[in-house]
Amino acid sequence: MKKDITEEILFNRQVNYIIIEGLWERLNKGQDKREFYKLLRINKNTYSRIRKADTYNCVDLDARWEAKNSVIRKMGLSKEIMTGREMIELDGITKEEWVEYLNLRYVAKEVSSYRSSTMQNMNRKLNALYKSLEVDKKDKRDIGKLLYFFTYGRSVEQDMPDMEMVEVKNALNHITVEKMKVCDKELREEVYVKLKEVYRQLNIIVSYDKL
């Protein structure tokens, strides 16, 4: 297993990609599943390895995110979600429930009434949640963004007039002191001058809004 692929990341990936697949299925009943894999530019076996947390041939989702014209980057969810560093949170479903569900689905070998009822209960919860969703640009939840992408074929950010501001915010969220220290000196100075000017302009606007 790659050093940066922890058990938590593998778990988050399982949850996230089961949700992604489940919502697509809900919205595309009766359609050939190959259309789903084609949409995400991923084959069935690769997707299966993500869902099963396969550590032998671990999928490099970071490389897929950074690839030119990356589909998983265009879906509108964060890199942390799409690579498994964070888990999609769903109302009414706890992390503990996901742990038990994934264990029963991929690890447990015995067939029992408890296993069957627990998995059925989780599937009912997921289906009920998917059914309750409505497309809304203002829905900031990951599941809301995902619904928008599957409905219109583009991320909600592409339809937002403030998309560039969102991109700036997301970029700044990922800049650490360590990265600023080691980056090219001339580039750092250029960014510094630019940010000072942007801050000056933004400060005027924000101050005016507060009047």
Protein backbone atom coordinates (compact mmCIF):
# COMPACT_ATOMS: atom_id res chain seq x y z
CA MET A 1 0.00 0.00 0.00
CA LYS A 2 1.27 3.49 -0.76
CA LYS A 3 2.47 5.35 2.31
CA ASP A 4 -0.10 8.13 1.97
CA ILE A 5 -3.03 5.75 1.47
CA THR A 6 -4.17 5.14 5.04
CA GLU A 7 -7.02 2.93 6.20
CA GLU A 8 -9.09 6.05 6.81
CA ILE A 9 -8.58 7.24 3.23
CA LEU A 10 -9.52 3.82 1.89
CA PHE A 11 -12.64 3.82 4.08
CA ASN A 12 -13.64 7.33 2.96
CA ARG A 13 -13.18 6.31 -0.65
CA GLN A 14 -15.47 3.35 -0.17
CA VAL A 15 -18.20 5.52 1.32
CA ASN A 16 -17.84 8.33 -1.22
CA TYR A 17 -17.83 6.16 -4.31
CA ILE A 18 -20.70 3.98 -3.09
CA ILE A 19 -22.71 7.19 -2.64
CA ILE A 20 -21.69 8.46 -6.09
CA GLU A 21 -22.65 5.18 -7.72
CA GLY A 22 -25.87 4.85 -5.74
CA LEU A 23 -27.12 8.31 -6.62
CA TRP A 24 -26.39 7.79 -10.32
CA GLU A 25 -28.32 4.50 -10.22
CA ARG A 26 -31.24 6.22 -8.52
CA LEU A 27 -31.36 8.90 -11.22
CA ASN A 28 -30.79 6.51 -14.12
CA LYS A 29 -32.96 3.49 -13.40
CA GLY A 30 -32.77 0.86 -16.10
CA GLN A 31 -29.75 2.38 -17.83
CA ASP A 32 -26.72 0.26 -18.65
CA LYS A 33 -24.16 0.60 -15.86
CA ARG A 34 -21.47 0.98 -18.50
CA GLU A 35 -22.81 4.50 -19.09
CA PHE A 36 -21.85 5.36 -15.51
CA TYR A 37 -18.30 4.12 -15.93
CA LYS A 38 -18.07 5.90 -19.27
CA LEU A 39 -19.23 9.16 -17.67
CA LEU A 40 -16.48 8.98 -15.05
CA ARG A 41 -13.92 7.59 -17.53
CA ILE A 42 -13.24 4.62 -15.31
CA ASN A 43 -13.67 0.92 -15.95
CA LYS A 44 -15.75 -1.47 -13.88
CA ASN A 45 -12.79 -3.29 -12.31
CA THR A 46 -11.09 -0.07 -11.26
CA TYR A 47 -14.28 1.23 -9.66
CA SER A 48 -14.75 -2.09 -7.89
CA ARG A 49 -11.25 -1.83 -6.40
CA ILE A 50 -12.16 1.54 -4.90
CA ARG A 51 -15.40 0.22 -3.38
CA LYS A 52 -13.67 -2.84 -1.95
CA ALA A 53 -10.68 -0.85 -0.61
CA ASP A 54 -8.30 -3.06 -2.56
CA THR A 55 -4.81 -2.47 -1.17
CA TYR A 56 -3.04 -4.81 -3.61
CA ASN A 57 -3.67 -2.66 -6.66
CA CYS A 58 -4.68 0.66 -5.11
CA VAL A 59 -6.24 3.18 -7.49
CA ASP A 60 -4.26 6.43 -7.76
CA LEU A 61 -7.10 8.92 -7.44
CA ASP A 62 -4.68 11.80 -6.91
CA ALA A 63 -3.26 11.20 -10.38
CA ARG A 64 -6.76 10.99 -11.81
CA TRP A 65 -7.64 14.30 -10.15
CA GLU A 66 -4.53 16.02 -11.55
CA ALA A 67 -4.95 14.56 -15.05
CA LYS A 68 -5.81 16.88 -17.92
CA ASN A 69 -9.59 17.24 -18.35
CA SER A 70 -10.13 15.18 -15.19
CA VAL A 71 -13.78 14.20 -14.83
CA ILE A 72 -13.61 13.71 -11.08
CA ARG A 73 -12.25 17.25 -10.77
CA LYS A 74 -15.10 18.65 -12.89
CA MET A 75 -17.84 17.08 -10.78
CA GLY A 76 -17.86 19.99 -8.35
CA LEU A 77 -16.78 18.12 -5.23
CA SER A 78 -13.49 18.87 -3.48
CA LYS A 79 -10.23 17.05 -4.07
CA GLU A 80 -10.42 15.86 -0.46
CA ILE A 81 -13.74 14.14 -1.15
CA MET A 82 -12.80 12.67 -4.52
CA THR A 83 -9.47 11.27 -3.28
CA GLY A 84 -10.80 10.03 0.06
CA ARG A 85 -9.18 12.41 2.50
CA GLU A 86 -12.66 13.41 3.62
CA MET A 87 -15.95 11.50 3.73
CA ILE A 88 -19.25 12.64 2.26
CA GLU A 89 -21.58 13.19 5.20
CA LEU A 90 -25.22 12.24 4.79
CA ASP A 91 -28.01 13.34 7.12
CA GLY A 92 -29.19 10.47 9.31
CA ILE A 93 -26.31 8.08 8.57
CA THR A 94 -23.41 7.85 10.99
CA LYS A 95 -19.83 6.80 10.40
CA GLU A 96 -20.41 3.81 12.68
CA GLU A 97 -23.25 2.64 10.43
CA TRP A 98 -20.97 2.89 7.41
CA VAL A 99 -18.26 0.88 9.19
CA GLU A 100 -20.73 -1.91 9.98
CA TYR A 101 -22.27 -1.82 6.51
CA LEU A 102 -18.93 -2.04 4.70
CA ASN A 103 -17.78 -4.82 6.99
CA LEU A 104 -20.92 -6.83 6.32
CA ARG A 105 -20.77 -6.14 2.58
CA TYR A 106 -17.09 -6.81 1.89
CA VAL A 107 -15.51 -8.57 4.88
CA ALA A 108 -18.01 -10.77 6.71
CA LYS A 109 -18.37 -14.25 5.22
CA GLU A 110 -21.28 -15.68 7.16
CA VAL A 111 -24.80 -15.37 5.82
CA SER A 112 -27.24 -14.46 8.60
CA SER A 113 -30.56 -12.74 9.12
CA TYR A 114 -28.76 -9.95 11.01
CA ARG A 115 -26.42 -9.33 8.08
CA SER A 116 -29.30 -9.27 5.64
CA SER A 117 -31.53 -6.98 7.72
CA THR A 118 -28.70 -4.54 8.54
CA MET A 119 -27.69 -4.17 4.90
CA GLN A 120 -31.30 -3.81 3.80
CA ASN A 121 -31.87 -1.12 6.41
CA MET A 122 -28.86 0.86 5.19
CA ASN A 123 -29.97 0.53 1.57
CA ARG A 124 -33.44 1.76 2.52
CA LYS A 125 -31.92 4.78 4.27
CA LEU A 126 -29.78 5.62 1.23
CA ASN A 127 -32.66 5.22 -1.21
CA ALA A 128 -34.95 7.35 0.92
CA LEU A 129 -32.32 10.08 1.12
CA TYR A 130 -31.67 10.02 -2.64
CA LYS A 131 -35.41 10.19 -3.28
CA SER A 132 -35.81 13.24 -1.03
CA LEU A 133 -33.17 15.29 -2.84
CA GLU A 134 -34.08 18.29 -4.98
CA VAL A 135 -31.77 20.15 -7.35
CA ASP A 136 -30.80 23.45 -5.77
CA LYS A 137 -27.85 25.68 -6.67
CA LYS A 138 -27.75 26.89 -3.09
CA ASP A 139 -27.35 23.39 -1.64
CA LYS A 140 -23.77 23.45 -0.35
CA ARG A 141 -23.77 19.80 0.74
CA ASP A 142 -21.60 17.38 -1.23
CA ILE A 143 -24.64 15.26 -2.06
CA GLY A 144 -26.37 18.39 -3.39
CA LYS A 145 -23.42 19.22 -5.64
CA LEU A 146 -23.35 15.63 -6.84
CA LEU A 147 -27.05 15.71 -7.67
CA TYR A 148 -26.52 18.90 -9.69
CA PHE A 149 -23.69 17.32 -11.67
CA PHE A 150 -25.66 14.17 -12.50
CA THR A 151 -28.71 16.26 -13.45
CA TYR A 152 -27.05 18.82 -15.72
CA GLY A 153 -23.73 17.21 -16.62
CA ARG A 154 -21.72 20.06 -15.16
CA SER A 155 -20.72 21.24 -11.70
CA VAL A 156 -22.85 23.78 -9.89
CA GLU A 157 -19.83 26.10 -9.78
CA GLN A 158 -19.91 26.39 -13.56
CA ASP A 159 -23.35 27.98 -13.27
CA MET A 160 -22.39 30.37 -10.50
CA PRO A 161 -21.48 33.98 -11.35
CA ASP A 162 -18.97 33.93 -8.50
CA MET A 163 -17.16 30.80 -9.68
CA GLU A 164 -13.80 32.58 -9.87
CA MET A 165 -14.15 33.73 -6.27
CA VAL A 166 -14.95 30.16 -5.24
CA GLU A 167 -11.82 28.96 -7.03
CA VAL A 168 -9.71 31.59 -5.25
CA LYS A 169 -11.16 30.57 -1.90
CA ASN A 170 -10.49 26.89 -2.58
CA ALA A 171 -6.93 27.62 -3.70
CA LEU A 172 -6.20 29.70 -0.59
CA ASN A 173 -7.57 26.92 1.62
CA HIS A 174 -4.83 24.64 0.32
CA ILE A 175 -1.90 27.05 0.66
CA THR A 176 0.14 26.34 3.78
CA VAL A 177 3.03 28.24 5.35
CA GLU A 178 5.31 25.38 4.36
CA LYS A 179 4.30 25.67 0.70
CA MET A 180 4.84 29.44 0.75
CA LYS A 181 8.30 28.99 2.24
CA VAL A 182 9.58 26.54 -0.37
CA CYS A 183 7.98 27.98 -3.51
CA ASP A 184 9.91 30.01 -6.09
CA LYS A 185 10.98 33.35 -4.56
CA GLU A 186 10.02 35.47 -7.58
CA LEU A 187 6.65 33.74 -7.81
CA ARG A 188 6.06 34.33 -4.11
CA GLU A 189 6.82 38.04 -4.51
CA GLU A 190 4.52 38.29 -7.52
CA VAL A 191 1.67 36.60 -5.63
CA TYR A 192 2.34 38.83 -2.62
CA VAL A 193 2.00 42.02 -4.68
CA LYS A 194 -1.14 40.71 -6.39
CA LEU A 195 -2.79 39.67 -3.13
CA LYS A 196 -2.05 43.04 -1.56
CA GLU A 197 -3.83 44.81 -4.40
CA VAL A 198 -6.76 42.39 -4.37
CA TYR A 199 -7.05 42.77 -0.61
CA ARG A 200 -7.06 46.57 -0.94
CA GLN A 201 -9.92 46.43 -3.43
CA LEU A 202 -11.84 43.78 -1.50
CA ASN A 203 -11.45 45.70 1.74
CA ILE A 204 -13.08 48.75 0.16
CA ILE A 205 -16.02 46.65 -1.05
CA VAL A 206 -16.49 44.83 2.28
CA SER A 207 -16.21 48.08 4.25
CA TYR A 208 -18.83 49.67 2.00
CA ASP A 209 -21.15 46.67 2.54
CA LYS A 210 -20.94 47.18 6.28
CA LEU A 211 -22.06 50.81 6.14
